[in-house]
């Protein structure tokens, strides 16, 4: 029982540390190319489309879906502003 508790606590600690480290990397990447609220909108579109496809389609198609989702949001946002895409 003691060994089981030790293994569980170690696993939980590793999982939490891994998630924290990934979070730091994501924040650093976003900070590197942040250009304002429009960037946030594009990231939300990209991330949500990637997450949706990851849940529904087997394989790594979510990577392509995330890229296309970000491009689609950027194009729509440019059209809404009246900019040339």
PDB file of N, CA and C in Angstrom:
ATOM      1  N   UNK A   1       0.837  -1.196   0.000  1.00  0.00           N
ATOM      2  CA  UNK A   1       0.000   0.000   0.000  1.00  0.00           C
ATOM      3  C   UNK A   1       0.869   1.241   0.000  1.00  0.00           C
ATOM      4  N   UNK A   2       1.944   1.224   0.776  1.00  0.00           N
ATOM      5  CA  UNK A   2       2.829   2.388   0.832  1.00  0.00           C
ATOM      6  C   UNK A   2       3.513   2.616  -0.517  1.00  0.00           C
ATOM      7  N   UNK A   3       3.931   1.524  -1.147  1.00  0.00           N
ATOM      8  CA  UNK A   3       4.573   1.643  -2.454  1.00  0.00           C
ATOM      9  C   UNK A   3       3.598   2.188  -3.484  1.00  0.00           C
ATOM     10  N   UNK A   4       2.360   1.729  -3.423  1.00  0.00           N
ATOM     11  CA  UNK A   4       1.330   2.209  -4.342  1.00  0.00           C
ATOM     12  C   UNK A   4       1.124   3.715  -4.171  1.00  0.00           C
ATOM     13  N   UNK A   5       1.059   4.188  -2.930  1.00  0.00           N
ATOM     14  CA  UNK A   5       0.887   5.618  -2.658  1.00  0.00           C
ATOM     15  C   UNK A   5       2.083   6.420  -3.166  1.00  0.00           C
ATOM     16  N   UNK A   6       3.269   5.875  -2.971  1.00  0.00           N
ATOM     17  CA  UNK A   6       4.481   6.552  -3.426  1.00  0.00           C
ATOM     18  C   UNK A   6       4.488   6.679  -4.949  1.00  0.00           C
ATOM     19  N   UNK A   7       4.159   5.601  -5.637  1.00  0.00           N
ATOM     20  CA  UNK A   7       4.129   5.625  -7.100  1.00  0.00           C
ATOM     21  C   UNK A   7       3.069   6.611  -7.593  1.00  0.00           C
ATOM     22  N   UNK A   8       1.909   6.621  -6.974  1.00  0.00           N
ATOM     23  CA  UNK A   8       0.856   7.558  -7.374  1.00  0.00           C
ATOM     24  C   UNK A   8       1.289   9.001  -7.174  1.00  0.00           C
ATOM     25  N   UNK A   9       1.912   9.300  -6.039  1.00  0.00           N
ATOM     26  CA  UNK A   9       2.328  10.680  -5.796  1.00  0.00           C
ATOM     27  C   UNK A   9       3.447  11.094  -6.748  1.00  0.00           C
ATOM     28  N   UNK A  10       4.359  10.176  -7.067  1.00  0.00           N
ATOM     29  CA  UNK A  10       5.418  10.493  -8.023  1.00  0.00           C
ATOM     30  C   UNK A  10       4.840  10.730  -9.418  1.00  0.00           C
ATOM     31  N   UNK A  11       3.894   9.895  -9.817  1.00  0.00           N
ATOM     32  CA  UNK A  11       3.264  10.061 -11.116  1.00  0.00           C
ATOM     33  C   UNK A  11       2.513  11.370 -11.214  1.00  0.00           C
ATOM     34  N   UNK A  12       1.806  11.724 -10.149  1.00  0.00           N
ATOM     35  CA  UNK A  12       1.058  12.980 -10.146  1.00  0.00           C
ATOM     36  C   UNK A  12       2.017  14.164 -10.220  1.00  0.00           C
ATOM     37  N   UNK A  13       3.118  14.091  -9.490  1.00  0.00           N
ATOM     38  CA  UNK A  13       4.102  15.160  -9.503  1.00  0.00           C
ATOM     39  C   UNK A  13       4.714  15.321 -10.891  1.00  0.00           C
ATOM     40  N   UNK A  14       5.067  14.209 -11.523  1.00  0.00           N
ATOM     41  CA  UNK A  14       5.634  14.276 -12.872  1.00  0.00           C
ATOM     42  C   UNK A  14       4.638  14.850 -13.868  1.00  0.00           C
ATOM     43  N   UNK A  15       3.377  14.454 -13.751  1.00  0.00           N
ATOM     44  CA  UNK A  15       2.358  14.955 -14.658  1.00  0.00           C
ATOM     45  C   UNK A  15       2.173  16.454 -14.496  1.00  0.00           C
ATOM     46  N   UNK A  16       2.101  16.912 -13.249  1.00  0.00           N
ATOM     47  CA  UNK A  16       1.918  18.341 -13.006  1.00  0.00           C
ATOM     48  C   UNK A  16       3.121  19.139 -13.502  1.00  0.00           C
ATOM     49  N   UNK A  17       4.324  18.649 -13.240  1.00  0.00           N
ATOM     50  CA  UNK A  17       5.522  19.354 -13.705  1.00  0.00           C
ATOM     51  C   UNK A  17       5.585  19.388 -15.225  1.00  0.00           C
ATOM     52  N   UNK A  18       5.189  18.289 -15.872  1.00  0.00           N
ATOM     53  CA  UNK A  18       5.189  18.265 -17.331  1.00  0.00           C
ATOM     54  C   UNK A  18       4.210  19.260 -17.910  1.00  0.00           C
ATOM     55  N   UNK A  19       3.022  19.358 -17.308  1.00  0.00           N
ATOM     56  CA  UNK A  19       2.031  20.314 -17.790  1.00  0.00           C
ATOM     57  C   UNK A  19       2.492  21.747 -17.573  1.00  0.00           C
ATOM     58  N   UNK A  20       3.138  22.002 -16.443  1.00  0.00           N
ATOM     59  CA  UNK A  20       3.649  23.348 -16.173  1.00  0.00           C
ATOM     60  C   UNK A  20       4.721  23.706 -17.188  1.00  0.00           C
ATOM     61  N   UNK A  21       5.620  22.770 -17.486  1.00  0.00           N
ATOM     62  CA  UNK A  21       6.681  23.046 -18.450  1.00  0.00           C
ATOM     63  C   UNK A  21       6.109  23.311 -19.838  1.00  0.00           C
ATOM     64  N   UNK A  22       5.101  22.518 -20.253  1.00  0.00           N
ATOM     65  CA  UNK A  22       4.478  22.758 -21.555  1.00  0.00           C
ATOM     66  C   UNK A  22       3.803  24.113 -21.592  1.00  0.00           C
ATOM     67  N   UNK A  23       3.172  24.472 -20.493  1.00  0.00           N
ATOM     68  CA  UNK A  23       2.520  25.780 -20.416  1.00  0.00           C
ATOM     69  C   UNK A  23       3.517  26.915 -20.580  1.00  0.00           C
ATOM     70  N   UNK A  24       4.678  26.779 -19.962  1.00  0.00           N
ATOM     71  CA  UNK A  24       5.715  27.805 -20.093  1.00  0.00           C
ATOM     72  C   UNK A  24       6.187  27.919 -21.540  1.00  0.00           C
ATOM     73  N   UNK A  25       6.365  26.797 -22.193  1.00  0.00           N
ATOM     74  CA  UNK A  25       6.810  26.809 -23.589  1.00  0.00           C
ATOM     75  C   UNK A  25       5.759  27.489 -24.473  1.00  0.00           C
ATOM     76  N   UNK A  26       4.497  27.188 -24.247  1.00  0.00           N
ATOM     77  CA  UNK A  26       3.432  27.793 -25.049  1.00  0.00           C
ATOM     78  C   UNK A  26       3.400  29.297 -24.846  1.00  0.00           C
ATOM     79  N   UNK A  27       3.542  29.747 -23.606  1.00  0.00           N
ATOM     80  CA  UNK A  27       3.532  31.190 -23.331  1.00  0.00           C
ATOM     81  C   UNK A  27       4.713  31.869 -24.016  1.00  0.00           C
ATOM     82  N   UNK A  28       5.878  31.249 -23.978  1.00  0.00           N
ATOM     83  CA  UNK A  28       7.057  31.832 -24.622  1.00  0.00           C
ATOM     84  C   UNK A  28       6.864  31.910 -26.139  1.00  0.00           C
ATOM     85  N   UNK A  29       6.302  30.864 -26.731  1.00  0.00           N
ATOM     86  CA  UNK A  29       6.065  30.880 -28.179  1.00  0.00           C
ATOM     87  C   UNK A  29       5.062  31.960 -28.570  1.00  0.00           C
ATOM     88  N   UNK A  30       3.987  32.071 -27.818  1.00  0.00           N
ATOM     89  CA  UNK A  30       2.971  33.082 -28.129  1.00  0.00           C
ATOM     90  C   UNK A  30       3.548  34.484 -27.963  1.00  0.00           C
ATOM     91  N   UNK A  31       4.324  34.705 -26.911  1.00  0.00           N
ATOM     92  CA  UNK A  31       4.915  36.020 -26.683  1.00  0.00           C
ATOM     93  C   UNK A  31       5.856  36.410 -27.821  1.00  0.00           C
ATOM     94  N   UNK A  32       6.473  35.432 -28.442  1.00  0.00           N
ATOM     95  CA  UNK A  32       7.414  35.720 -29.520  1.00  0.00           C
ATOM     96  C   UNK A  32       6.773  36.296 -30.769  1.00  0.00           C
ATOM     97  N   UNK A  33       5.537  35.937 -31.058  1.00  0.00           N
ATOM     98  CA  UNK A  33       4.924  36.461 -32.286  1.00  0.00           C
ATOM     99  C   UNK A  33       3.624  37.212 -32.032  1.00  0.00           C
ATOM    100  N   UNK A  34       3.390  37.649 -30.797  1.00  0.00           N
ATOM    101  CA  UNK A  34       2.183  38.408 -30.466  1.00  0.00           C
ATOM    102  C   UNK A  34       2.237  39.783 -31.132  1.00  0.00           C
ATOM    103  N   UNK A  35       1.186  40.125 -31.877  1.00  0.00           N
ATOM    104  CA  UNK A  35       1.102  41.424 -32.546  1.00  0.00           C
ATOM    105  C   UNK A  35      -0.174  42.180 -32.183  1.00  0.00           C
ATOM    106  N   UNK A  36      -0.892  41.691 -31.196  1.00  0.00           N
ATOM    107  CA  UNK A  36      -2.103  42.357 -30.756  1.00  0.00           C
ATOM    108  C   UNK A  36      -3.282  41.404 -30.698  1.00  0.00           C
ATOM    109  N   UNK A  37      -4.477  41.955 -30.477  1.00  0.00           N
ATOM    110  CA  UNK A  37      -5.667  41.119 -30.313  1.00  0.00           C
ATOM    111  C   UNK A  37      -5.973  40.226 -31.518  1.00  0.00           C
ATOM    112  N   UNK A  38      -5.620  40.679 -32.690  1.00  0.00           N
ATOM    113  CA  UNK A  38      -5.871  39.869 -33.885  1.00  0.00           C
ATOM    114  C   UNK A  38      -5.096  38.551 -33.821  1.00  0.00           C
ATOM    115  N   UNK A  39      -3.891  38.599 -33.270  1.00  0.00           N
ATOM    116  CA  UNK A  39      -3.100  37.384 -33.103  1.00  0.00           C
ATOM    117  C   UNK A  39      -3.822  36.402 -32.181  1.00  0.00           C
ATOM    118  N   UNK A  40      -4.411  36.921 -31.110  1.00  0.00           N
ATOM    119  CA  UNK A  40      -5.154  36.069 -30.193  1.00  0.00           C
ATOM    120  C   UNK A  40      -6.336  35.404 -30.869  1.00  0.00           C
ATOM    121  N   UNK A  41      -7.018  36.140 -31.715  1.00  0.00           N
ATOM    122  CA  UNK A  41      -8.160  35.584 -32.442  1.00  0.00           C
ATOM    123  C   UNK A  41      -7.713  34.455 -33.373  1.00  0.00           C
ATOM    124  N   UNK A  42      -6.605  34.661 -34.035  1.00  0.00           N
ATOM    125  CA  UNK A  42      -6.066  33.639 -34.941  1.00  0.00           C
ATOM    126  C   UNK A  42      -5.646  32.398 -34.147  1.00  0.00           C
ATOM    127  N   UNK A  43      -5.014  32.599 -32.995  1.00  0.00           N
ATOM    128  CA  UNK A  43      -4.598  31.473 -32.160  1.00  0.00           C
ATOM    129  C   UNK A  43      -5.799  30.691 -31.642  1.00  0.00           C
ATOM    130  N   UNK A  44      -6.859  31.386 -31.275  1.00  0.00           N
ATOM    131  CA  UNK A  44      -8.069  30.713 -30.805  1.00  0.00           C
ATOM    132  C   UNK A  44      -8.687  29.895 -31.933  1.00  0.00           C
ATOM    133  N   UNK A  45      -8.748  30.456 -33.141  1.00  0.00           N
ATOM    134  CA  UNK A  45      -9.288  29.725 -34.284  1.00  0.00           C
ATOM    135  C   UNK A  45      -8.452  28.509 -34.627  1.00  0.00           C
ATOM    136  N   UNK A  46      -7.154  28.683 -34.602  1.00  0.00           N
ATOM    137  CA  UNK A  46      -6.255  27.577 -34.913  1.00  0.00           C
ATOM    138  C   UNK A  46      -6.342  26.483 -33.861  1.00  0.00           C
ATOM    139  N   UNK A  47      -6.277  26.869 -32.612  1.00  0.00           N
ATOM    140  CA  UNK A  47      -6.311  25.899 -31.531  1.00  0.00           C
ATOM    141  C   UNK A  47      -7.631  25.154 -31.433  1.00  0.00           C
ATOM    142  N   UNK A  48      -8.725  25.884 -31.618  1.00  0.00           N
ATOM    143  CA  UNK A  48     -10.028  25.217 -31.497  1.00  0.00           C
ATOM    144  C   UNK A  48     -10.277  24.258 -32.659  1.00  0.00           C
ATOM    145  N   UNK A  49      -9.848  24.623 -33.858  1.00  0.00           N
ATOM    146  CA  UNK A  49     -10.031  23.695 -34.980  1.00  0.00           C
ATOM    147  C   UNK A  49      -9.128  22.476 -34.819  1.00  0.00           C
ATOM    148  N   UNK A  50      -7.919  22.666 -34.325  1.00  0.00           N
ATOM    149  CA  UNK A  50      -7.019  21.531 -34.090  1.00  0.00           C
ATOM    150  C   UNK A  50      -7.580  20.613 -33.011  1.00  0.00           C
ATOM    151  N   UNK A  51      -8.110  21.192 -31.950  1.00  0.00           N
ATOM    152  CA  UNK A  51      -8.674  20.385 -30.874  1.00  0.00           C
ATOM    153  C   UNK A  51      -9.891  19.591 -31.344  1.00  0.00           C
ATOM    154  N   UNK A  52     -10.746  20.235 -32.121  1.00  0.00           N
ATOM    155  CA  UNK A  52     -11.939  19.558 -32.625  1.00  0.00           C
ATOM    156  C   UNK A  52     -11.570  18.368 -33.520  1.00  0.00           C
ATOM    157  N   UNK A  53     -10.644  18.596 -34.440  1.00  0.00           N
ATOM    158  CA  UNK A  53     -10.234  17.517 -35.346  1.00  0.00           C
ATOM    159  C   UNK A  53      -9.494  16.425 -34.580  1.00  0.00           C
ATOM    160  N   UNK A  54      -8.709  16.798 -33.594  1.00  0.00           N
ATOM    161  CA  UNK A  54      -7.999  15.797 -32.778  1.00  0.00           C
ATOM    162  C   UNK A  54      -8.989  14.877 -32.063  1.00  0.00           C
ATOM    163  N   UNK A  55     -10.122  15.423 -31.636  1.00  0.00           N
ATOM    164  CA  UNK A  55     -11.133  14.625 -30.939  1.00  0.00           C
ATOM    165  C   UNK A  55     -11.930  13.750 -31.895  1.00  0.00           C
ATOM    166  N   UNK A  56     -12.096  14.179 -33.139  1.00  0.00           N
ATOM    167  CA  UNK A  56     -12.996  13.492 -34.060  1.00  0.00           C
ATOM    168  C   UNK A  56     -12.315  12.607 -35.101  1.00  0.00           C
ATOM    169  N   UNK A  57     -11.090  12.914 -35.466  1.00  0.00           N
ATOM    170  CA  UNK A  57     -10.431  12.223 -36.577  1.00  0.00           C
ATOM    171  C   UNK A  57      -9.159  11.537 -36.058  1.00  0.00           C
ATOM    172  N   UNK A  58      -8.979  10.252 -36.353  1.00  0.00           N
ATOM    173  CA  UNK A  58      -7.753   9.583 -35.907  1.00  0.00           C
ATOM    174  C   UNK A  58      -6.538  10.058 -36.714  1.00  0.00           C
ATOM    175  N   UNK A  59      -5.393   9.987 -36.095  1.00  0.00           N
ATOM    176  CA  UNK A  59      -4.161  10.375 -36.768  1.00  0.00           C
ATOM    177  C   UNK A  59      -3.740  11.788 -36.414  1.00  0.00           C
ATOM    178  N   UNK A  60      -2.835  12.311 -37.210  1.00  0.00           N
ATOM    179  CA  UNK A  60      -2.277  13.640 -36.934  1.00  0.00           C
ATOM    180  C   UNK A  60      -2.872  14.726 -37.836  1.00  0.00           C
ATOM    181  N   UNK A  61      -4.075  14.507 -38.310  1.00  0.00           N
ATOM    182  CA  UNK A  61      -4.722  15.495 -39.167  1.00  0.00           C
ATOM    183  C   UNK A  61      -5.008  16.804 -38.443  1.00  0.00           C
ATOM    184  N   UNK A  62      -4.994  16.766 -37.116  1.00  0.00           N
ATOM    185  CA  UNK A  62      -5.262  17.981 -36.348  1.00  0.00           C
ATOM    186  C   UNK A  62      -4.207  19.058 -36.601  1.00  0.00           C
ATOM    187  N   UNK A  63      -3.015  18.657 -36.988  1.00  0.00           N
ATOM    188  CA  UNK A  63      -1.962  19.634 -37.272  1.00  0.00           C
ATOM    189  C   UNK A  63      -2.345  20.460 -38.499  1.00  0.00           C
ATOM    190  N   UNK A  64      -2.753  19.785 -39.557  1.00  0.00           N
ATOM    191  CA  UNK A  64      -3.191  20.478 -40.763  1.00  0.00           C
ATOM    192  C   UNK A  64      -4.445  21.309 -40.486  1.00  0.00           C
ATOM    193  N   UNK A  65      -5.369  20.754 -39.715  1.00  0.00           N
ATOM    194  CA  UNK A  65      -6.608  21.472 -39.396  1.00  0.00           C
ATOM    195  C   UNK A  65      -6.318  22.738 -38.606  1.00  0.00           C
ATOM    196  N   UNK A  66      -5.375  22.676 -37.686  1.00  0.00           N
ATOM    197  CA  UNK A  66      -5.003  23.859 -36.918  1.00  0.00           C
ATOM    198  C   UNK A  66      -4.413  24.948 -37.799  1.00  0.00           C
ATOM    199  N   UNK A  67      -3.564  24.549 -38.718  1.00  0.00           N
ATOM    200  CA  UNK A  67      -2.965  25.519 -39.638  1.00  0.00           C
ATOM    201  C   UNK A  67      -4.030  26.148 -40.529  1.00  0.00           C
ATOM    202  N   UNK A  68      -4.894  25.317 -41.093  1.00  0.00           N
ATOM    203  CA  UNK A  68      -5.943  25.840 -41.969  1.00  0.00           C
ATOM    204  C   UNK A  68      -6.951  26.688 -41.197  1.00  0.00           C
ATOM    205  N   UNK A  69      -7.241  26.305 -39.960  1.00  0.00           N
ATOM    206  CA  UNK A  69      -8.145  27.108 -39.136  1.00  0.00           C
ATOM    207  C   UNK A  69      -7.577  28.493 -38.858  1.00  0.00           C
ATOM    208  N   UNK A  70      -6.287  28.559 -38.562  1.00  0.00           N
ATOM    209  CA  UNK A  70      -5.638  29.848 -38.333  1.00  0.00           C
ATOM    210  C   UNK A  70      -5.623  30.715 -39.582  1.00  0.00           C
ATOM    211  N   UNK A  71      -5.349  30.093 -40.721  1.00  0.00           N
ATOM    212  CA  UNK A  71      -5.343  30.840 -41.991  1.00  0.00           C
ATOM    213  C   UNK A  71      -6.746  31.351 -42.315  1.00  0.00           C
ATOM    214  N   UNK A  72      -7.756  30.528 -42.063  1.00  0.00           N
ATOM    215  CA  UNK A  72      -9.140  30.943 -42.346  1.00  0.00           C
ATOM    216  C   UNK A  72      -9.547  32.117 -41.467  1.00  0.00           C
ATOM    217  N   UNK A  73      -9.204  32.075 -40.184  1.00  0.00           N
ATOM    218  CA  UNK A  73      -9.546  33.190 -39.291  1.00  0.00           C
ATOM    219  C   UNK A  73      -8.798  34.451 -39.710  1.00  0.00           C
ATOM    220  N   UNK A  74      -7.539  34.316 -40.088  1.00  0.00           N
ATOM    221  CA  UNK A  74      -6.772  35.484 -40.536  1.00  0.00           C
ATOM    222  C   UNK A  74      -7.384  36.090 -41.796  1.00  0.00           C
ATOM    223  N   UNK A  75      -7.791  35.235 -42.734  1.00  0.00           N
ATOM    224  CA  UNK A  75      -8.400  35.739 -43.975  1.00  0.00           C
ATOM    225  C   UNK A  75      -9.732  36.424 -43.682  1.00  0.00           C
ATOM    226  N   UNK A  76     -10.557  35.811 -42.850  1.00  0.00           N
ATOM    227  CA  UNK A  76     -11.849  36.416 -42.514  1.00  0.00           C
ATOM    228  C   UNK A  76     -11.671  37.730 -41.757  1.00  0.00           C
ATOM    229  N   UNK A  77     -10.690  37.778 -40.886  1.00  0.00           N
ATOM    230  CA  UNK A  77     -10.441  39.013 -40.148  1.00  0.00           C
ATOM    231  C   UNK A  77      -9.931  40.119 -41.070  1.00  0.00           C
ATOM    232  N   UNK A  78      -9.155  39.757 -42.074  1.00  0.00           N
ATOM    233  CA  UNK A  78      -8.688  40.758 -43.054  1.00  0.00           C
ATOM    234  C   UNK A  78      -9.850  41.262 -43.898  1.00  0.00           C
ATOM    235  N   UNK A  79     -10.730  40.350 -44.304  1.00  0.00           N
ATOM    236  CA  UNK A  79     -11.896  40.764 -45.086  1.00  0.00           C
ATOM    237  C   UNK A  79     -12.821  41.666 -44.267  1.00  0.00           C
ATOM    238  N   UNK A  80     -12.983  41.351 -43.003  1.00  0.00           N
ATOM    239  CA  UNK A  80     -13.852  42.166 -42.142  1.00  0.00           C
ATOM    240  C   UNK A  80     -13.293  43.579 -41.959  1.00  0.00           C
ATOM    241  N   UNK A  81     -11.988  43.714 -41.962  1.00  0.00           N
ATOM    242  CA  UNK A  81     -11.355  45.027 -41.834  1.00  0.00           C
ATOM    243  C   UNK A  81     -11.306  45.769 -43.161  1.00  0.00           C
ATOM    244  N   UNK A  82     -11.593  45.073 -44.241  1.00  0.00           N
ATOM    245  CA  UNK A  82     -11.519  45.701 -45.548  1.00  0.00           C
ATOM    246  C   UNK A  82     -10.135  45.674 -46.147  1.00  0.00           C
ATOM    247  N   UNK A  83      -9.233  44.891 -45.542  1.00  0.00           N
ATOM    248  CA  UNK A  83      -7.882  44.770 -46.074  1.00  0.00           C
ATOM    249  C   UNK A  83      -7.868  43.783 -47.213  1.00  0.00           C
ATOM    250  N   UNK A  84      -6.873  43.900 -48.030  1.00  0.00           N
ATOM    251  CA  UNK A  84      -6.712  42.931 -49.113  1.00  0.00           C
ATOM    252  C   UNK A  84      -5.991  41.703 -48.596  1.00  0.00           C
ATOM    253  N   UNK A  85      -6.550  40.530 -48.808  1.00  0.00           N
ATOM    254  CA  UNK A  85      -5.970  39.307 -48.239  1.00  0.00           C
ATOM    255  C   UNK A  85      -4.750  38.860 -48.935  1.00  0.00           C
TER     256      UNK A  85
END
